[in-house]
Amino acid sequence: MTNPFKRAPSLSDPARNIVPVTPDDNTDLADIAVALYVETGGTLAIHTLGGALRTIKVADFSILPVGVRRVLAAGTTATGIHAMTVME
């Protein structure tokens, strides 16, 4: 089978991976997320790719299409958080 994703990653591509996120106040995600998927809604406290601290409310089964470097434990009540990444 030919792999259509076998090339340099691009932000215009679909995510190549989705990984569970454990909110942490001190540690960035292993790879910058191009979006977050949230199974159970609530509040998300995040550091954006640009370094801004944002706290937002999200509904169940939400996709948040924003670059995220960290999901903070303090202030986050949403659960089932997954980072969509362009890295394999």
PDB file of N, CA and C in Angstrom:
ATOM      1  N   MET A   1       0.841  -1.175   0.000  1.00  0.00           N
ATOM      2  CA  MET A   1       0.000   0.000   0.000  1.00  0.00           C
ATOM      3  C   MET A   1       0.890   1.243   0.000  1.00  0.00           C
ATOM      4  N   THR A   2       0.541   2.215  -0.805  1.00  0.00           N
ATOM      5  CA  THR A   2       1.278   3.469  -0.862  1.00  0.00           C
ATOM      6  C   THR A   2       0.826   4.382   0.268  1.00  0.00           C
ATOM      7  N   ASN A   3       1.774   5.004   0.938  1.00  0.00           N
ATOM      8  CA  ASN A   3       1.468   5.934   2.026  1.00  0.00           C
ATOM      9  C   ASN A   3       1.418   7.352   1.471  1.00  0.00           C
ATOM     10  N   PRO A   4       0.248   7.996   1.378  1.00  0.00           N
ATOM     11  CA  PRO A   4       0.152   9.339   0.825  1.00  0.00           C
ATOM     12  C   PRO A   4       0.760  10.406   1.727  1.00  0.00           C
ATOM     13  N   PHE A   5       1.077  10.062   2.979  1.00  0.00           N
ATOM     14  CA  PHE A   5       1.643  11.023   3.919  1.00  0.00           C
ATOM     15  C   PHE A   5       3.167  10.953   3.989  1.00  0.00           C
ATOM     16  N   LYS A   6       3.777  10.151   3.119  1.00  0.00           N
ATOM     17  CA  LYS A   6       5.229   9.982   3.163  1.00  0.00           C
ATOM     18  C   LYS A   6       5.911  11.165   2.471  1.00  0.00           C
ATOM     19  N   ARG A   7       5.929  12.276   3.167  1.00  0.00           N
ATOM     20  CA  ARG A   7       6.587  13.501   2.719  1.00  0.00           C
ATOM     21  C   ARG A   7       6.733  14.403   3.932  1.00  0.00           C
ATOM     22  N   ALA A   8       7.369  15.518   3.741  1.00  0.00           N
ATOM     23  CA  ALA A   8       7.558  16.442   4.860  1.00  0.00           C
ATOM     24  C   ALA A   8       6.196  16.915   5.371  1.00  0.00           C
ATOM     25  N   PRO A   9       6.009  16.970   6.698  1.00  0.00           N
ATOM     26  CA  PRO A   9       4.728  17.406   7.235  1.00  0.00           C
ATOM     27  C   PRO A   9       4.423  18.859   6.878  1.00  0.00           C
ATOM     28  N   SER A  10       3.151  19.140   6.695  1.00  0.00           N
ATOM     29  CA  SER A  10       2.685  20.480   6.383  1.00  0.00           C
ATOM     30  C   SER A  10       1.454  20.778   7.226  1.00  0.00           C
ATOM     31  N   LEU A  11       1.277  22.013   7.624  1.00  0.00           N
ATOM     32  CA  LEU A  11       0.110  22.377   8.413  1.00  0.00           C
ATOM     33  C   LEU A  11      -1.185  22.281   7.621  1.00  0.00           C
ATOM     34  N   SER A  12      -1.083  22.203   6.306  1.00  0.00           N
ATOM     35  CA  SER A  12      -2.299  22.055   5.503  1.00  0.00           C
ATOM     36  C   SER A  12      -2.723  20.588   5.374  1.00  0.00           C
ATOM     37  N   ASP A  13      -1.890  19.675   5.854  1.00  0.00           N
ATOM     38  CA  ASP A  13      -2.218  18.252   5.845  1.00  0.00           C
ATOM     39  C   ASP A  13      -3.143  17.928   7.023  1.00  0.00           C
ATOM     40  N   PRO A  14      -3.840  16.797   6.962  1.00  0.00           N
ATOM     41  CA  PRO A  14      -4.552  16.340   8.157  1.00  0.00           C
ATOM     42  C   PRO A  14      -3.532  15.925   9.219  1.00  0.00           C
ATOM     43  N   ALA A  15      -3.984  15.872  10.451  1.00  0.00           N
ATOM     44  CA  ALA A  15      -3.097  15.424  11.526  1.00  0.00           C
ATOM     45  C   ALA A  15      -2.585  14.027  11.210  1.00  0.00           C
ATOM     46  N   ARG A  16      -1.328  13.769  11.557  1.00  0.00           N
ATOM     47  CA  ARG A  16      -0.732  12.452  11.336  1.00  0.00           C
ATOM     48  C   ARG A  16      -0.860  11.552  12.542  1.00  0.00           C
ATOM     49  N   ASN A  17      -1.117  12.159  13.695  1.00  0.00           N
ATOM     50  CA  ASN A  17      -1.196  11.376  14.921  1.00  0.00           C
ATOM     51  C   ASN A  17      -2.143  12.078  15.882  1.00  0.00           C
ATOM     52  N   ILE A  18      -2.702  11.304  16.788  1.00  0.00           N
ATOM     53  CA  ILE A  18      -3.517  11.858  17.871  1.00  0.00           C
ATOM     54  C   ILE A  18      -3.086  11.135  19.136  1.00  0.00           C
ATOM     55  N   VAL A  19      -2.700  11.905  20.152  1.00  0.00           N
ATOM     56  CA  VAL A  19      -2.144  11.318  21.371  1.00  0.00           C
ATOM     57  C   VAL A  19      -2.870  11.862  22.602  1.00  0.00           C
ATOM     58  N   PRO A  20      -3.075  11.007  23.599  1.00  0.00           N
ATOM     59  CA  PRO A  20      -3.722  11.469  24.825  1.00  0.00           C
ATOM     60  C   PRO A  20      -2.865  12.525  25.520  1.00  0.00           C
ATOM     61  N   VAL A  21      -3.536  13.466  26.163  1.00  0.00           N
ATOM     62  CA  VAL A  21      -2.859  14.544  26.883  1.00  0.00           C
ATOM     63  C   VAL A  21      -3.176  14.431  28.369  1.00  0.00           C
ATOM     64  N   THR A  22      -2.132  14.458  29.190  1.00  0.00           N
ATOM     65  CA  THR A  22      -2.295  14.586  30.630  1.00  0.00           C
ATOM     66  C   THR A  22      -1.953  16.030  30.978  1.00  0.00           C
ATOM     67  N   PRO A  23      -2.944  16.818  31.406  1.00  0.00           N
ATOM     68  CA  PRO A  23      -2.652  18.213  31.742  1.00  0.00           C
ATOM     69  C   PRO A  23      -1.531  18.302  32.778  1.00  0.00           C
ATOM     70  N   ASP A  24      -0.627  19.265  32.579  1.00  0.00           N
ATOM     71  CA  ASP A  24       0.547  19.430  33.430  1.00  0.00           C
ATOM     72  C   ASP A  24       0.910  20.907  33.450  1.00  0.00           C
ATOM     73  N   ASP A  25       1.083  21.448  34.638  1.00  0.00           N
ATOM     74  CA  ASP A  25       1.395  22.877  34.761  1.00  0.00           C
ATOM     75  C   ASP A  25       2.831  23.225  34.387  1.00  0.00           C
ATOM     76  N   ASN A  26       3.720  22.242  34.330  1.00  0.00           N
ATOM     77  CA  ASN A  26       5.137  22.533  34.139  1.00  0.00           C
ATOM     78  C   ASN A  26       5.757  21.976  32.864  1.00  0.00           C
ATOM     79  N   THR A  27       5.037  21.129  32.138  1.00  0.00           N
ATOM     80  CA  THR A  27       5.649  20.440  31.005  1.00  0.00           C
ATOM     81  C   THR A  27       4.858  20.683  29.726  1.00  0.00           C
ATOM     82  N   ASP A  28       5.581  21.079  28.670  1.00  0.00           N
ATOM     83  CA  ASP A  28       4.968  21.229  27.360  1.00  0.00           C
ATOM     84  C   ASP A  28       4.649  19.868  26.764  1.00  0.00           C
ATOM     85  N   LEU A  29       3.747  19.862  25.788  1.00  0.00           N
ATOM     86  CA  LEU A  29       3.452  18.636  25.043  1.00  0.00           C
ATOM     87  C   LEU A  29       4.719  18.175  24.321  1.00  0.00           C
ATOM     88  N   ALA A  30       4.836  16.901  24.049  1.00  0.00           N
ATOM     89  CA  ALA A  30       6.013  16.369  23.345  1.00  0.00           C
ATOM     90  C   ALA A  30       6.131  16.990  21.951  1.00  0.00           C
ATOM     91  N   ASP A  31       5.005  17.198  21.274  1.00  0.00           N
ATOM     92  CA  ASP A  31       4.949  17.863  19.970  1.00  0.00           C
ATOM     93  C   ASP A  31       3.845  18.902  20.032  1.00  0.00           C
ATOM     94  N   ILE A  32       4.062  20.041  19.408  1.00  0.00           N
ATOM     95  CA  ILE A  32       3.033  21.077  19.353  1.00  0.00           C
ATOM     96  C   ILE A  32       1.777  20.487  18.717  1.00  0.00           C
ATOM     97  N   ALA A  33       0.633  20.721  19.340  1.00  0.00           N
ATOM     98  CA  ALA A  33      -0.638  20.259  18.780  1.00  0.00           C
ATOM     99  C   ALA A  33      -1.140  21.288  17.779  1.00  0.00           C
ATOM    100  N   VAL A  34      -1.629  20.814  16.642  1.00  0.00           N
ATOM    101  CA  VAL A  34      -2.268  21.711  15.666  1.00  0.00           C
ATOM    102  C   VAL A  34      -3.750  21.852  16.001  1.00  0.00           C
ATOM    103  N   ALA A  35      -4.250  20.966  16.863  1.00  0.00           N
ATOM    104  CA  ALA A  35      -5.627  21.024  17.341  1.00  0.00           C
ATOM    105  C   ALA A  35      -5.740  20.112  18.563  1.00  0.00           C
ATOM    106  N   LEU A  36      -6.765  20.357  19.357  1.00  0.00           N
ATOM    107  CA  LEU A  36      -7.089  19.471  20.467  1.00  0.00           C
ATOM    108  C   LEU A  36      -8.467  18.879  20.236  1.00  0.00           C
ATOM    109  N   TYR A  37      -8.627  17.623  20.628  1.00  0.00           N
ATOM    110  CA  TYR A  37      -9.930  16.964  20.626  1.00  0.00           C
ATOM    111  C   TYR A  37     -10.270  16.702  22.086  1.00  0.00           C
ATOM    112  N   VAL A  38     -11.489  17.063  22.503  1.00  0.00           N
ATOM    113  CA  VAL A  38     -11.919  16.913  23.894  1.00  0.00           C
ATOM    114  C   VAL A  38     -13.168  16.041  23.939  1.00  0.00           C
ATOM    115  N   GLU A  39     -13.099  14.946  24.676  1.00  0.00           N
ATOM    116  CA  GLU A  39     -14.233  14.037  24.776  1.00  0.00           C
ATOM    117  C   GLU A  39     -15.313  14.555  25.724  1.00  0.00           C
ATOM    118  N   THR A  40     -14.911  15.002  26.912  1.00  0.00           N
ATOM    119  CA  THR A  40     -15.866  15.504  27.896  1.00  0.00           C
ATOM    120  C   THR A  40     -15.582  16.975  28.146  1.00  0.00           C
ATOM    121  N   GLY A  41     -16.557  17.797  27.829  1.00  0.00           N
ATOM    122  CA  GLY A  41     -16.382  19.246  27.893  1.00  0.00           C
ATOM    123  C   GLY A  41     -16.133  19.768  29.296  1.00  0.00           C
ATOM    124  N   GLY A  42     -15.728  21.021  29.334  1.00  0.00           N
ATOM    125  CA  GLY A  42     -15.412  21.718  30.572  1.00  0.00           C
ATOM    126  C   GLY A  42     -14.525  22.894  30.222  1.00  0.00           C
ATOM    127  N   THR A  43     -13.641  23.222  31.112  1.00  0.00           N
ATOM    128  CA  THR A  43     -12.715  24.324  30.907  1.00  0.00           C
ATOM    129  C   THR A  43     -11.357  23.781  30.500  1.00  0.00           C
ATOM    130  N   LEU A  44     -10.720  24.457  29.547  1.00  0.00           N
ATOM    131  CA  LEU A  44      -9.351  24.147  29.136  1.00  0.00           C
ATOM    132  C   LEU A  44      -8.476  25.347  29.439  1.00  0.00           C
ATOM    133  N   ALA A  45      -7.399  25.127  30.154  1.00  0.00           N
ATOM    134  CA  ALA A  45      -6.393  26.156  30.371  1.00  0.00           C
ATOM    135  C   ALA A  45      -5.180  25.750  29.531  1.00  0.00           C
ATOM    136  N   ILE A  46      -4.818  26.584  28.566  1.00  0.00           N
ATOM    137  CA  ILE A  46      -3.762  26.219  27.620  1.00  0.00           C
ATOM    138  C   ILE A  46      -2.761  27.347  27.446  1.00  0.00           C
ATOM    139  N   HIS A  47      -1.563  26.977  27.027  1.00  0.00           N
ATOM    140  CA  HIS A  47      -0.578  27.918  26.496  1.00  0.00           C
ATOM    141  C   HIS A  47      -0.596  27.715  24.989  1.00  0.00           C
ATOM    142  N   THR A  48      -0.908  28.767  24.260  1.00  0.00           N
ATOM    143  CA  THR A  48      -0.939  28.669  22.807  1.00  0.00           C
ATOM    144  C   THR A  48       0.473  28.631  22.250  1.00  0.00           C
ATOM    145  N   LEU A  49       0.569  28.308  20.975  1.00  0.00           N
ATOM    146  CA  LEU A  49       1.872  28.293  20.317  1.00  0.00           C
ATOM    147  C   LEU A  49       2.554  29.645  20.447  1.00  0.00           C
ATOM    148  N   GLY A  50       1.772  30.717  20.422  1.00  0.00           N
ATOM    149  CA  GLY A  50       2.308  32.070  20.567  1.00  0.00           C
ATOM    150  C   GLY A  50       2.693  32.430  21.983  1.00  0.00           C
ATOM    151  N   GLY A  51       2.423  31.542  22.955  1.00  0.00           N
ATOM    152  CA  GLY A  51       2.827  31.776  24.336  1.00  0.00           C
ATOM    153  C   GLY A  51       1.756  32.395  25.215  1.00  0.00           C
ATOM    154  N   ALA A  52       0.569  32.645  24.672  1.00  0.00           N
ATOM    155  CA  ALA A  52      -0.501  33.243  25.467  1.00  0.00           C
ATOM    156  C   ALA A  52      -1.178  32.194  26.341  1.00  0.00           C
ATOM    157  N   LEU A  53      -1.563  32.592  27.532  1.00  0.00           N
ATOM    158  CA  LEU A  53      -2.342  31.745  28.428  1.00  0.00           C
ATOM    159  C   LEU A  53      -3.809  32.027  28.148  1.00  0.00           C
ATOM    160  N   ARG A  54      -4.574  31.005  27.808  1.00  0.00           N
ATOM    161  CA  ARG A  54      -5.993  31.152  27.506  1.00  0.00           C
ATOM    162  C   ARG A  54      -6.776  30.109  28.297  1.00  0.00           C
ATOM    163  N   THR A  55      -7.913  30.525  28.822  1.00  0.00           N
ATOM    164  CA  THR A  55      -8.832  29.617  29.488  1.00  0.00           C
ATOM    165  C   THR A  55     -10.152  29.720  28.752  1.00  0.00           C
ATOM    166  N   ILE A  56     -10.618  28.589  28.231  1.00  0.00           N
ATOM    167  CA  ILE A  56     -11.833  28.582  27.422  1.00  0.00           C
ATOM    168  C   ILE A  56     -12.730  27.425  27.836  1.00  0.00           C
ATOM    169  N   LYS A  57     -14.009  27.581  27.575  1.00  0.00           N
ATOM    170  CA  LYS A  57     -14.979  26.514  27.817  1.00  0.00           C
ATOM    171  C   LYS A  57     -15.204  25.779  26.494  1.00  0.00           C
ATOM    172  N   VAL A  58     -15.247  24.453  26.568  1.00  0.00           N
ATOM    173  CA  VAL A  58     -15.504  23.637  25.385  1.00  0.00           C
ATOM    174  C   VAL A  58     -16.605  22.630  25.705  1.00  0.00           C
ATOM    175  N   ALA A  59     -17.340  22.241  24.674  1.00  0.00           N
ATOM    176  CA  ALA A  59     -18.412  21.259  24.817  1.00  0.00           C
ATOM    177  C   ALA A  59     -17.863  19.842  24.643  1.00  0.00           C
ATOM    178  N   ASP A  60     -18.690  18.856  24.947  1.00  0.00           N
ATOM    179  CA  ASP A  60     -18.326  17.459  24.694  1.00  0.00           C
ATOM    180  C   ASP A  60     -18.000  17.273  23.212  1.00  0.00           C
ATOM    181  N   PHE A  61     -17.029  16.459  22.928  1.00  0.00           N
ATOM    182  CA  PHE A  61     -16.623  16.082  21.569  1.00  0.00           C
ATOM    183  C   PHE A  61     -16.218  17.291  20.726  1.00  0.00           C
ATOM    184  N   SER A  62     -15.495  18.221  21.348  1.00  0.00           N
ATOM    185  CA  SER A  62     -15.043  19.439  20.657  1.00  0.00           C
ATOM    186  C   SER A  62     -13.701  19.231  19.985  1.00  0.00           C
ATOM    187  N   ILE A  63     -13.529  19.911  18.864  1.00  0.00           N
ATOM    188  CA  ILE A  63     -12.221  20.038  18.225  1.00  0.00           C
ATOM    189  C   ILE A  63     -11.861  21.507  18.269  1.00  0.00           C
ATOM    190  N   LEU A  64     -10.716  21.796  18.857  1.00  0.00           N
ATOM    191  CA  LEU A  64     -10.237  23.167  19.001  1.00  0.00           C
ATOM    192  C   LEU A  64      -9.045  23.348  18.067  1.00  0.00           C
ATOM    193  N   PRO A  65      -9.233  24.004  16.917  1.00  0.00           N
ATOM    194  CA  PRO A  65      -8.153  24.127  15.924  1.00  0.00           C
ATOM    195  C   PRO A  65      -7.227  25.301  16.220  1.00  0.00           C
ATOM    196  N   VAL A  66      -6.373  25.113  17.212  1.00  0.00           N
ATOM    197  CA  VAL A  66      -5.409  26.158  17.585  1.00  0.00           C
ATOM    198  C   VAL A  66      -4.102  25.479  17.986  1.00  0.00           C
ATOM    199  N   GLY A  67      -2.985  26.117  17.658  1.00  0.00           N
ATOM    200  CA  GLY A  67      -1.683  25.583  18.059  1.00  0.00           C
ATOM    201  C   GLY A  67      -1.523  25.659  19.568  1.00  0.00           C
ATOM    202  N   VAL A  68      -1.234  24.518  20.192  1.00  0.00           N
ATOM    203  CA  VAL A  68      -1.131  24.440  21.653  1.00  0.00           C
ATOM    204  C   VAL A  68       0.201  23.806  22.030  1.00  0.00           C
ATOM    205  N   ARG A  69       0.894  24.458  22.953  1.00  0.00           N
ATOM    206  CA  ARG A  69       2.161  23.904  23.439  1.00  0.00           C
ATOM    207  C   ARG A  69       2.021  23.229  24.804  1.00  0.00           C
ATOM    208  N   ARG A  70       1.009  23.654  25.616  1.00  0.00           N
ATOM    209  CA  ARG A  70       0.838  23.062  26.954  1.00  0.00           C
ATOM    210  C   ARG A  70      -0.637  23.113  27.344  1.00  0.00           C
ATOM    211  N   VAL A  71      -1.099  22.039  27.972  1.00  0.00           N
ATOM    212  CA  VAL A  71      -2.422  22.018  28.595  1.00  0.00           C
ATOM    213  C   VAL A  71      -2.170  21.977  30.098  1.00  0.00           C
ATOM    214  N   LEU A  72      -2.635  22.998  30.783  1.00  0.00           N
ATOM    215  CA  LEU A  72      -2.372  23.123  32.215  1.00  0.00           C
ATOM    216  C   LEU A  72      -3.356  22.308  33.045  1.00  0.00           C
ATOM    217  N   ALA A  73      -2.877  21.755  34.156  1.00  0.00           N
ATOM    218  CA  ALA A  73      -3.747  21.032  35.087  1.00  0.00           C
ATOM    219  C   ALA A  73      -4.609  22.025  35.857  1.00  0.00           C
ATOM    220  N   ALA A  74      -3.992  23.105  36.321  1.00  0.00           N
ATOM    221  CA  ALA A  74      -4.720  24.135  37.065  1.00  0.00           C
ATOM    222  C   ALA A  74      -5.666  24.851  36.107  1.00  0.00           C
ATOM    223  N   GLY A  75      -6.938  24.779  36.381  1.00  0.00           N
ATOM    224  CA  GLY A  75      -7.924  25.450  35.547  1.00  0.00           C
ATOM    225  C   GLY A  75      -8.545  24.567  34.480  1.00  0.00           C
ATOM    226  N   THR A  76      -8.038  23.352  34.293  1.00  0.00           N
ATOM    227  CA  THR A  76      -8.617  22.449  33.299  1.00  0.00           C
ATOM    228  C   THR A  76      -9.538  21.453  33.982  1.00  0.00           C
ATOM    229  N   THR A  77     -10.808  21.455  33.544  1.00  0.00           N
ATOM    230  CA  THR A  77     -11.782  20.485  34.056  1.00  0.00           C
ATOM    231  C   THR A  77     -12.219  19.519  32.959  1.00  0.00           C
ATOM    232  N   ALA A  78     -11.981  19.850  31.706  1.00  0.00           N
ATOM    233  CA  ALA A  78     -12.322  18.960  30.590  1.00  0.00           C
ATOM    234  C   ALA A  78     -11.467  17.693  30.694  1.00  0.00           C
ATOM    235  N   THR A  79     -12.002  16.593  30.192  1.00  0.00           N
ATOM    236  CA  THR A  79     -11.262  15.331  30.237  1.00  0.00           C
ATOM    237  C   THR A  79     -11.308  14.657  28.871  1.00  0.00           C
ATOM    238  N   GLY A  80     -10.498  13.629  28.740  1.00  0.00           N
ATOM    239  CA  GLY A  80     -10.416  12.931  27.460  1.00  0.00           C
ATOM    240  C   GLY A  80      -9.820  13.837  26.399  1.00  0.00           C
ATOM    241  N   ILE A  81      -8.738  14.514  26.765  1.00  0.00           N
ATOM    242  CA  ILE A  81      -8.084  15.482  25.867  1.00  0.00           C
ATOM    243  C   ILE A  81      -7.043  14.765  25.032  1.00  0.00           C
ATOM    244  N   HIS A  82      -7.037  15.051  23.739  1.00  0.00           N
ATOM    245  CA  HIS A  82      -6.083  14.451  22.816  1.00  0.00           C
ATOM    246  C   HIS A  82      -5.481  15.547  21.946  1.00  0.00           C
ATOM    247  N   ALA A  83      -4.177  15.465  21.723  1.00  0.00           N
ATOM    248  CA  ALA A  83      -3.474  16.410  20.861  1.00  0.00           C
ATOM    249  C   ALA A  83      -3.367  15.830  19.449  1.00  0.00           C
ATOM    250  N   MET A  84      -3.782  16.616  18.464  1.00  0.00           N
ATOM    251  CA  MET A  84      -3.593  16.233  17.070  1.00  0.00           C
ATOM    252  C   MET A  84      -2.297  16.874  16.613  1.00  0.00           C
ATOM    253  N   THR A  85      -1.397  16.049  16.057  1.00  0.00           N
ATOM    254  CA  THR A  85      -0.083  16.548  15.659  1.00  0.00           C
ATOM    255  C   THR A  85       0.215  16.210  14.195  1.00  0.00           C
ATOM    256  N   VAL A  86       1.141  16.943  13.615  1.00  0.00           N
ATOM    257  CA  VAL A  86       1.569  16.628  12.271  1.00  0.00           C
ATOM    258  C   VAL A  86       2.843  15.790  12.279  1.00  0.00           C
ATOM    259  N   MET A  87       3.394  15.536  13.465  1.00  0.00           N
ATOM    260  CA  MET A  87       4.568  14.677  13.592  1.00  0.00           C
ATOM    261  C   MET A  87       4.084  13.243  13.768  1.00  0.00           C
ATOM    262  N   GLU A  88       4.875  12.276  13.281  1.00  0.00           N
ATOM    263  CA  GLU A  88       4.490  10.870  13.397  1.00  0.00           C
ATOM    264  C   GLU A  88       4.914  10.299  14.730  1.00  0.00           C
TER     265      GLU A  88
END
